[in-house]
Amino acid sequence: MPNAAIEKRREYKIITSSTFIDIKVTSETGRLRGVIVHTPGKEVSLVNPEIKDDLLFDDIIFEADAREEHLGMLEIFKTAMPGKTGVFEITDLISETFQNHDAREYFLDQIIHHRPKLHLNTIRNDLEQLSARELQEFIICGTTENIKRFSLPPSPNLLFTRDLAAVVPGGIVISRAARDARMRETLLMETVVEFHPMFQGIQHKAIRIGDQESIEGGDILVASEDLVMIGMSERTTFSGLLNASRSLLDS
């Protein structure tokens, strides 16, 4: 990442905590101790036939059915991962992060800069007045009761949390979405990693790629502590792959 962008992040105060989780992945087949998920919510119901292609959906899915299937999966996770760690809802992490004023300012700066066509600069003052939960709802669902006459397309792809980042030996790769429909998710995850205390053990080890490149966590596979495999696809560019690989080798 360019030095100017790194210096910009240092202007914001990072949340600190006396305790944090030792986040580390050294195998795709090892024992799972923690997972970040998103239970499908209202944003899924807001996908309609007119916008489904733009939102990268092949078909319409029903919120109630998706939630039921997802909650069944979570019960399996919770049974397999008893103890202090376990299942973390990304919406909870986002809301906790947005309780920090500097985290909110950082996120709003980033989304206004990277998604100018959303015109969020015109309602920034209103967004700054929202509670953490309300801001999270607006960013994910595109609407909230306290923002009138302004809406965004929903972010239904948030349920694919594997794409947002990849924990690797010695750090975490922050995804950069290839499609505009998922850029909000990229910025949300980057803000959570940068400010949430759960990540304070690896915040300084975060790997980011340039704005003109793309990489998604679903294309990254940790084969062992010494081997990380990255696939090139329509979601991960060759330059994104190279830069992420270079950073991994240097870490």
C-alpha atoms as a PDB file:
ATOM      1  CA  MET A   1       0.000   0.000   0.000  1.00  0.00           C
ATOM      2  CA  PRO A   2       1.321   3.487  -0.797  1.00  0.00           C
ATOM      3  CA  ASN A   3       3.036   5.215   2.123  1.00  0.00           C
ATOM      4  CA  ALA A   4       0.536   8.106   2.019  1.00  0.00           C
ATOM      5  CA  ALA A   5      -2.330   5.707   2.678  1.00  0.00           C
ATOM      6  CA  ILE A   6      -0.464   4.095   5.569  1.00  0.00           C
ATOM      7  CA  GLU A   7       0.204   7.493   7.108  1.00  0.00           C
ATOM      8  CA  LYS A   8      -3.466   8.388   6.680  1.00  0.00           C
ATOM      9  CA  ARG A   9      -4.518   5.383   8.760  1.00  0.00           C
ATOM     10  CA  ARG A  10      -2.153   6.439  11.532  1.00  0.00           C
ATOM     11  CA  GLU A  11      -4.163   9.605  12.019  1.00  0.00           C
ATOM     12  CA  TYR A  12      -6.934   7.535  13.562  1.00  0.00           C
ATOM     13  CA  LYS A  13      -6.929   6.080  17.054  1.00  0.00           C
ATOM     14  CA  ILE A  14      -7.007   2.292  17.096  1.00  0.00           C
ATOM     15  CA  ILE A  15      -9.133   0.581  19.743  1.00  0.00           C
ATOM     16  CA  THR A  16      -6.985  -1.194  22.317  1.00  0.00           C
ATOM     17  CA  SER A  17      -7.916  -3.947  24.715  1.00  0.00           C
ATOM     18  CA  SER A  18      -6.111  -5.800  27.467  1.00  0.00           C
ATOM     19  CA  THR A  19      -7.236  -9.109  25.966  1.00  0.00           C
ATOM     20  CA  PHE A  20      -7.432 -10.378  22.436  1.00  0.00           C
ATOM     21  CA  ILE A  21      -7.792 -13.657  20.585  1.00  0.00           C
ATOM     22  CA  ASP A  22      -4.710 -15.317  19.160  1.00  0.00           C
ATOM     23  CA  ILE A  23      -5.856 -15.386  15.540  1.00  0.00           C
ATOM     24  CA  LYS A  24      -3.865 -17.844  13.490  1.00  0.00           C
ATOM     25  CA  VAL A  25      -4.508 -20.351  10.701  1.00  0.00           C
ATOM     26  CA  THR A  26      -1.869 -22.865   9.673  1.00  0.00           C
ATOM     27  CA  SER A  27      -4.068 -25.433   7.930  1.00  0.00           C
ATOM     28  CA  GLU A  28      -7.388 -25.699   6.093  1.00  0.00           C
ATOM     29  CA  THR A  29      -7.979 -29.081   7.756  1.00  0.00           C
ATOM     30  CA  GLY A  30      -6.890 -28.395  11.322  1.00  0.00           C
ATOM     31  CA  ARG A  31      -9.279 -28.078  14.248  1.00  0.00           C
ATOM     32  CA  LEU A  32     -11.548 -25.062  13.872  1.00  0.00           C
ATOM     33  CA  ARG A  33     -11.505 -22.797  16.937  1.00  0.00           C
ATOM     34  CA  GLY A  34     -13.237 -19.687  15.643  1.00  0.00           C
ATOM     35  CA  VAL A  35     -15.209 -18.498  12.639  1.00  0.00           C
ATOM     36  CA  ILE A  36     -16.689 -15.179  11.497  1.00  0.00           C
ATOM     37  CA  VAL A  37     -20.118 -15.506   9.908  1.00  0.00           C
ATOM     38  CA  HIS A  38     -23.034 -13.394   8.753  1.00  0.00           C
ATOM     39  CA  THR A  39     -26.548 -14.653   9.300  1.00  0.00           C
ATOM     40  CA  PRO A  40     -28.652 -13.570   6.293  1.00  0.00           C
ATOM     41  CA  GLY A  41     -30.872 -10.590   7.128  1.00  0.00           C
ATOM     42  CA  LYS A  42     -33.099  -7.992   5.513  1.00  0.00           C
ATOM     43  CA  GLU A  43     -30.501  -7.172   2.874  1.00  0.00           C
ATOM     44  CA  VAL A  44     -31.252 -10.540   1.208  1.00  0.00           C
ATOM     45  CA  SER A  45     -34.963  -9.722   0.916  1.00  0.00           C
ATOM     46  CA  LEU A  46     -34.102  -6.403  -0.753  1.00  0.00           C
ATOM     47  CA  VAL A  47     -32.625  -8.180  -3.789  1.00  0.00           C
ATOM     48  CA  ASN A  48     -35.161  -8.067  -6.617  1.00  0.00           C
ATOM     49  CA  PRO A  49     -35.092  -9.249 -10.250  1.00  0.00           C
ATOM     50  CA  GLU A  50     -34.186  -5.793 -11.555  1.00  0.00           C
ATOM     51  CA  ILE A  51     -30.978  -5.488  -9.539  1.00  0.00           C
ATOM     52  CA  LYS A  52     -29.994  -9.104  -8.865  1.00  0.00           C
ATOM     53  CA  ASP A  53     -27.438  -9.239 -11.700  1.00  0.00           C
ATOM     54  CA  ASP A  54     -25.759  -6.031 -10.538  1.00  0.00           C
ATOM     55  CA  LEU A  55     -25.554  -7.545  -7.047  1.00  0.00           C
ATOM     56  CA  LEU A  56     -23.988 -10.737  -8.474  1.00  0.00           C
ATOM     57  CA  PHE A  57     -26.979 -12.947  -7.668  1.00  0.00           C
ATOM     58  CA  ASP A  58     -28.087 -15.557 -10.218  1.00  0.00           C
ATOM     59  CA  ASP A  59     -31.475 -15.948  -8.583  1.00  0.00           C
ATOM     60  CA  ILE A  60     -33.653 -14.620  -5.770  1.00  0.00           C
ATOM     61  CA  ILE A  61     -33.239 -16.358  -2.423  1.00  0.00           C
ATOM     62  CA  PHE A  62     -35.717 -16.212   0.435  1.00  0.00           C
ATOM     63  CA  GLU A  63     -34.520 -14.689   3.685  1.00  0.00           C
ATOM     64  CA  ALA A  64     -36.425 -17.087   5.953  1.00  0.00           C
ATOM     65  CA  ASP A  65     -35.090 -20.180   4.163  1.00  0.00           C
ATOM     66  CA  ALA A  66     -31.543 -18.808   4.043  1.00  0.00           C
ATOM     67  CA  ARG A  67     -31.638 -17.948   7.762  1.00  0.00           C
ATOM     68  CA  GLU A  68     -32.962 -21.377   8.706  1.00  0.00           C
ATOM     69  CA  GLU A  69     -30.212 -23.164   6.781  1.00  0.00           C
ATOM     70  CA  HIS A  70     -27.557 -20.802   8.123  1.00  0.00           C
ATOM     71  CA  LEU A  71     -28.656 -21.146  11.753  1.00  0.00           C
ATOM     72  CA  GLY A  72     -28.541 -24.920  11.377  1.00  0.00           C
ATOM     73  CA  MET A  73     -24.931 -24.623  10.240  1.00  0.00           C
ATOM     74  CA  LEU A  74     -24.129 -22.385  13.222  1.00  0.00           C
ATOM     75  CA  GLU A  75     -25.422 -25.024  15.629  1.00  0.00           C
ATOM     76  CA  ILE A  76     -22.903 -27.460  14.157  1.00  0.00           C
ATOM     77  CA  PHE A  77     -20.131 -24.875  14.543  1.00  0.00           C
ATOM     78  CA  LYS A  78     -21.069 -24.168  18.162  1.00  0.00           C
ATOM     79  CA  THR A  79     -21.119 -27.870  18.988  1.00  0.00           C
ATOM     80  CA  ALA A  80     -17.718 -28.369  17.377  1.00  0.00           C
ATOM     81  CA  MET A  81     -16.151 -25.302  19.033  1.00  0.00           C
ATOM     82  CA  PRO A  82     -17.084 -25.180  22.725  1.00  0.00           C
ATOM     83  CA  GLY A  83     -15.181 -22.777  24.963  1.00  0.00           C
ATOM     84  CA  LYS A  84     -14.089 -19.149  24.875  1.00  0.00           C
ATOM     85  CA  THR A  85     -13.816 -18.799  21.117  1.00  0.00           C
ATOM     86  CA  GLY A  86     -16.420 -19.955  18.610  1.00  0.00           C
ATOM     87  CA  VAL A  87     -18.843 -18.162  16.320  1.00  0.00           C
ATOM     88  CA  PHE A  88     -18.576 -14.404  15.764  1.00  0.00           C
ATOM     89  CA  GLU A  89     -21.259 -12.501  13.861  1.00  0.00           C
ATOM     90  CA  ILE A  90     -19.625  -9.923  11.622  1.00  0.00           C
ATOM     91  CA  THR A  91     -22.502  -7.513  12.277  1.00  0.00           C
ATOM     92  CA  ASP A  92     -21.578  -7.566  15.978  1.00  0.00           C
ATOM     93  CA  LEU A  93     -17.941  -6.866  15.132  1.00  0.00           C
ATOM     94  CA  ILE A  94     -18.962  -4.003  12.833  1.00  0.00           C
ATOM     95  CA  SER A  95     -21.249  -2.436  15.445  1.00  0.00           C
ATOM     96  CA  GLU A  96     -18.589  -2.725  18.134  1.00  0.00           C
ATOM     97  CA  THR A  97     -16.068  -1.135  15.780  1.00  0.00           C
ATOM     98  CA  PHE A  98     -18.418   1.718  14.871  1.00  0.00           C
ATOM     99  CA  GLN A  99     -18.768   2.595  18.558  1.00  0.00           C
ATOM    100  CA  ASN A 100     -15.307   4.089  18.173  1.00  0.00           C
ATOM    101  CA  HIS A 101     -15.558   7.595  16.683  1.00  0.00           C
ATOM    102  CA  ASP A 102     -12.229   7.296  14.876  1.00  0.00           C
ATOM    103  CA  ALA A 103     -13.240   3.990  13.311  1.00  0.00           C
ATOM    104  CA  ARG A 104     -16.449   5.554  12.000  1.00  0.00           C
ATOM    105  CA  GLU A 105     -14.550   8.521  10.570  1.00  0.00           C
ATOM    106  CA  TYR A 106     -12.021   6.214   8.953  1.00  0.00           C
ATOM    107  CA  PHE A 107     -14.744   4.097   7.343  1.00  0.00           C
ATOM    108  CA  LEU A 108     -16.691   7.101   6.064  1.00  0.00           C
ATOM    109  CA  ASP A 109     -13.510   8.629   4.634  1.00  0.00           C
ATOM    110  CA  GLN A 110     -12.745   5.385   2.821  1.00  0.00           C
ATOM    111  CA  ILE A 111     -16.193   4.701   1.397  1.00  0.00           C
ATOM    112  CA  ILE A 112     -16.635   8.300   0.198  1.00  0.00           C
ATOM    113  CA  HIS A 113     -13.218   8.153  -1.469  1.00  0.00           C
ATOM    114  CA  HIS A 114     -13.540   4.706  -3.039  1.00  0.00           C
ATOM    115  CA  ARG A 115     -17.252   4.819  -3.952  1.00  0.00           C
ATOM    116  CA  PRO A 116     -17.896   8.426  -5.054  1.00  0.00           C
ATOM    117  CA  LYS A 117     -20.873   7.368  -7.195  1.00  0.00           C
ATOM    118  CA  LEU A 118     -22.796   6.550  -4.016  1.00  0.00           C
ATOM    119  CA  HIS A 119     -22.754  10.311  -3.192  1.00  0.00           C
ATOM    120  CA  LEU A 120     -22.466   9.633   0.531  1.00  0.00           C
ATOM    121  CA  ASN A 121     -20.582  12.899   0.958  1.00  0.00           C
ATOM    122  CA  THR A 122     -23.956  14.661   0.648  1.00  0.00           C
ATOM    123  CA  ILE A 123     -25.285  12.983   3.807  1.00  0.00           C
ATOM    124  CA  ARG A 124     -22.080  12.574   5.791  1.00  0.00           C
ATOM    125  CA  ASN A 125     -23.337  14.738   8.661  1.00  0.00           C
ATOM    126  CA  ASP A 126     -26.448  12.572   8.920  1.00  0.00           C
ATOM    127  CA  LEU A 127     -24.374   9.395   8.884  1.00  0.00           C
ATOM    128  CA  GLU A 128     -22.177  10.714  11.681  1.00  0.00           C
ATOM    129  CA  GLN A 129     -25.280  11.206  13.856  1.00  0.00           C
ATOM    130  CA  LEU A 130     -26.406   7.578  13.548  1.00  0.00           C
ATOM    131  CA  SER A 131     -25.815   5.066  16.312  1.00  0.00           C
ATOM    132  CA  ALA A 132     -23.333   2.280  15.629  1.00  0.00           C
ATOM    133  CA  ARG A 133     -26.185  -0.162  14.891  1.00  0.00           C
ATOM    134  CA  GLU A 134     -27.977   2.295  12.631  1.00  0.00           C
ATOM    135  CA  LEU A 135     -24.834   3.020  10.616  1.00  0.00           C
ATOM    136  CA  GLN A 136     -24.198  -0.690  10.252  1.00  0.00           C
ATOM    137  CA  GLU A 137     -27.796  -1.241   9.095  1.00  0.00           C
ATOM    138  CA  PHE A 138     -27.569   1.558   6.548  1.00  0.00           C
ATOM    139  CA  ILE A 139     -24.293   0.304   5.074  1.00  0.00           C
ATOM    140  CA  ILE A 140     -25.475  -3.318   4.827  1.00  0.00           C
ATOM    141  CA  CYS A 141     -29.170  -2.912   3.995  1.00  0.00           C
ATOM    142  CA  GLY A 142     -28.985   0.452   2.262  1.00  0.00           C
ATOM    143  CA  THR A 143     -31.692   2.018   4.404  1.00  0.00           C
ATOM    144  CA  THR A 144     -32.378   3.022   7.991  1.00  0.00           C
ATOM    145  CA  GLU A 145     -35.275   4.892   9.603  1.00  0.00           C
ATOM    146  CA  ASN A 146     -33.194   7.932  10.527  1.00  0.00           C
ATOM    147  CA  ILE A 147     -31.958   8.587   6.987  1.00  0.00           C
ATOM    148  CA  LYS A 148     -34.830   9.869   4.869  1.00  0.00           C
ATOM    149  CA  ARG A 149     -35.027  10.141   1.069  1.00  0.00           C
ATOM    150  CA  PHE A 150     -31.674   8.432   0.540  1.00  0.00           C
ATOM    151  CA  SER A 151     -30.893   4.775   0.003  1.00  0.00           C
ATOM    152  CA  LEU A 152     -28.210   2.467  -1.319  1.00  0.00           C
ATOM    153  CA  PRO A 153     -28.383  -0.915  -3.020  1.00  0.00           C
ATOM    154  CA  PRO A 154     -28.164  -3.661  -0.368  1.00  0.00           C
ATOM    155  CA  SER A 155     -25.050  -5.743   0.315  1.00  0.00           C
ATOM    156  CA  PRO A 156     -26.435  -9.299   0.244  1.00  0.00           C
ATOM    157  CA  ASN A 157     -23.060 -10.902  -0.495  1.00  0.00           C
ATOM    158  CA  LEU A 158     -21.873 -10.203   3.046  1.00  0.00           C
ATOM    159  CA  LEU A 159     -22.967 -13.724   3.942  1.00  0.00           C
ATOM    160  CA  PHE A 160     -19.931 -15.013   2.001  1.00  0.00           C
ATOM    161  CA  THR A 161     -17.531 -14.016   4.768  1.00  0.00           C
ATOM    162  CA  ARG A 162     -14.787 -16.290   3.452  1.00  0.00           C
ATOM    163  CA  ASP A 163     -14.237 -13.761   0.666  1.00  0.00           C
ATOM    164  CA  LEU A 164     -13.607 -10.775   2.967  1.00  0.00           C
ATOM    165  CA  ALA A 165     -10.186 -11.749   4.285  1.00  0.00           C
ATOM    166  CA  ALA A 166      -7.905 -14.718   4.782  1.00  0.00           C
ATOM    167  CA  VAL A 167      -5.989 -15.442   7.958  1.00  0.00           C
ATOM    168  CA  VAL A 168      -2.608 -16.852   6.982  1.00  0.00           C
ATOM    169  CA  PRO A 169       0.460 -17.909   8.983  1.00  0.00           C
ATOM    170  CA  GLY A 170       1.836 -14.714  10.455  1.00  0.00           C
ATOM    171  CA  GLY A 171      -0.939 -12.331   9.464  1.00  0.00           C
ATOM    172  CA  ILE A 172      -4.138 -11.637   7.556  1.00  0.00           C
ATOM    173  CA  VAL A 173      -4.755 -10.759   3.913  1.00  0.00           C
ATOM    174  CA  ILE A 174      -7.418  -8.071   3.511  1.00  0.00           C
ATOM    175  CA  SER A 175      -9.447  -8.697   0.386  1.00  0.00           C
ATOM    176  CA  ARG A 176      -9.992  -6.056  -2.265  1.00  0.00           C
ATOM    177  CA  ALA A 177     -13.182  -6.834  -4.177  1.00  0.00           C
ATOM    178  CA  ALA A 178     -13.048  -7.054  -7.947  1.00  0.00           C
ATOM    179  CA  ARG A 179     -16.636  -5.849  -8.331  1.00  0.00           C
ATOM    180  CA  ASP A 180     -18.153  -2.584  -7.108  1.00  0.00           C
ATOM    181  CA  ALA A 181     -21.093  -4.486  -5.623  1.00  0.00           C
ATOM    182  CA  ARG A 182     -18.759  -5.896  -2.953  1.00  0.00           C
ATOM    183  CA  MET A 183     -16.499  -2.910  -2.285  1.00  0.00           C
ATOM    184  CA  ARG A 184     -18.492  -1.922   0.803  1.00  0.00           C
ATOM    185  CA  GLU A 185     -17.717  -5.329   2.290  1.00  0.00           C
ATOM    186  CA  THR A 186     -14.019  -4.811   1.612  1.00  0.00           C
ATOM    187  CA  LEU A 187     -14.045  -1.471   3.425  1.00  0.00           C
ATOM    188  CA  LEU A 188     -16.079  -2.844   6.337  1.00  0.00           C
ATOM    189  CA  MET A 189     -13.659  -5.724   6.861  1.00  0.00           C
ATOM    190  CA  GLU A 190     -10.619  -3.467   6.567  1.00  0.00           C
ATOM    191  CA  THR A 191     -12.083  -1.153   9.225  1.00  0.00           C
ATOM    192  CA  VAL A 192     -12.895  -4.046  11.565  1.00  0.00           C
ATOM    193  CA  VAL A 193      -9.381  -5.471  11.271  1.00  0.00           C
ATOM    194  CA  GLU A 194      -7.826  -2.034  11.716  1.00  0.00           C
ATOM    195  CA  PHE A 195      -9.811  -1.014  14.801  1.00  0.00           C
ATOM    196  CA  HIS A 196     -11.502  -3.937  16.554  1.00  0.00           C
ATOM    197  CA  PRO A 197      -9.592  -5.227  19.617  1.00  0.00           C
ATOM    198  CA  MET A 198     -10.118  -8.837  18.576  1.00  0.00           C
ATOM    199  CA  PHE A 199      -7.593  -8.242  15.798  1.00  0.00           C
ATOM    200  CA  GLN A 200      -5.039  -6.225  17.725  1.00  0.00           C
ATOM    201  CA  GLY A 201      -2.588  -9.117  17.683  1.00  0.00           C
ATOM    202  CA  ILE A 202      -2.401  -9.081  13.870  1.00  0.00           C
ATOM    203  CA  GLN A 203      -3.404  -5.505  12.976  1.00  0.00           C
ATOM    204  CA  HIS A 204       0.217  -4.630  12.273  1.00  0.00           C
ATOM    205  CA  LYS A 205       0.560  -7.769  10.121  1.00  0.00           C
ATOM    206  CA  ALA A 206      -2.324  -7.022   7.773  1.00  0.00           C
ATOM    207  CA  ILE A 207      -1.493  -7.453   4.082  1.00  0.00           C
ATOM    208  CA  ARG A 208      -3.194  -5.061   1.677  1.00  0.00           C
ATOM    209  CA  ILE A 209      -2.908  -4.692  -2.066  1.00  0.00           C
ATOM    210  CA  GLY A 210      -3.262  -1.633  -4.303  1.00  0.00           C
ATOM    211  CA  ASP A 211      -6.532   0.047  -5.250  1.00  0.00           C
ATOM    212  CA  GLN A 212      -6.224  -1.035  -8.888  1.00  0.00           C
ATOM    213  CA  GLU A 213      -5.815  -4.710  -8.009  1.00  0.00           C
ATOM    214  CA  SER A 214      -8.147  -7.314  -6.576  1.00  0.00           C
ATOM    215  CA  ILE A 215      -7.920 -10.387  -4.389  1.00  0.00           C
ATOM    216  CA  GLU A 216     -10.573 -12.286  -2.457  1.00  0.00           C
ATOM    217  CA  GLY A 217     -10.225 -14.631   0.475  1.00  0.00           C
ATOM    218  CA  GLY A 218     -12.005 -17.435  -1.326  1.00  0.00           C
ATOM    219  CA  ASP A 219      -8.997 -17.726  -3.664  1.00  0.00           C
ATOM    220  CA  ILE A 220      -6.533 -18.158  -0.783  1.00  0.00           C
ATOM    221  CA  LEU A 221      -5.883 -21.566   0.727  1.00  0.00           C
ATOM    222  CA  VAL A 222      -3.530 -22.307   3.621  1.00  0.00           C
ATOM    223  CA  ALA A 223      -2.033 -25.715   2.838  1.00  0.00           C
ATOM    224  CA  SER A 224       0.367 -25.691   5.784  1.00  0.00           C
ATOM    225  CA  GLU A 225       2.336 -23.333   7.997  1.00  0.00           C
ATOM    226  CA  ASP A 226       4.900 -23.038   5.214  1.00  0.00           C
ATOM    227  CA  LEU A 227       2.654 -23.023   2.150  1.00  0.00           C
ATOM    228  CA  VAL A 228      -0.123 -20.640   1.114  1.00  0.00           C
ATOM    229  CA  MET A 229      -1.787 -21.176  -2.256  1.00  0.00           C
ATOM    230  CA  ILE A 230      -3.450 -18.291  -4.134  1.00  0.00           C
ATOM    231  CA  GLY A 231      -5.577 -18.892  -7.200  1.00  0.00           C
ATOM    232  CA  MET A 232      -5.935 -16.426 -10.057  1.00  0.00           C
ATOM    233  CA  SER A 233      -9.532 -15.900 -11.126  1.00  0.00           C
ATOM    234  CA  GLU A 234     -12.012 -13.236 -12.207  1.00  0.00           C
ATOM    235  CA  ARG A 235     -11.935 -12.105  -8.568  1.00  0.00           C
ATOM    236  CA  THR A 236      -8.161 -12.204  -8.043  1.00  0.00           C
ATOM    237  CA  THR A 237      -5.972 -10.424 -10.558  1.00  0.00           C
ATOM    238  CA  PHE A 238      -2.444 -11.488 -11.463  1.00  0.00           C
ATOM    239  CA  SER A 239      -0.982  -8.288  -9.980  1.00  0.00           C
ATOM    240  CA  GLY A 240      -3.032  -8.767  -6.803  1.00  0.00           C
ATOM    241  CA  LEU A 241      -1.749 -12.317  -6.519  1.00  0.00           C
ATOM    242  CA  LEU A 242       1.856 -11.207  -7.031  1.00  0.00           C
ATOM    243  CA  ASN A 243       1.716  -8.385  -4.506  1.00  0.00           C
ATOM    244  CA  ALA A 244       0.018 -10.528  -1.864  1.00  0.00           C
ATOM    245  CA  SER A 245       2.567 -13.303  -2.458  1.00  0.00           C
ATOM    246  CA  ARG A 246       5.442 -10.841  -2.156  1.00  0.00           C
ATOM    247  CA  SER A 247       4.095  -9.541   1.150  1.00  0.00           C
ATOM    248  CA  LEU A 248       3.612 -13.080   2.465  1.00  0.00           C
ATOM    249  CA  LEU A 249       7.186 -14.014   1.599  1.00  0.00           C
ATOM    250  CA  ASP A 250       8.463 -10.859   3.283  1.00  0.00           C
ATOM    251  CA  SER A 251       6.453 -11.373   6.460  1.00  0.00           C
END
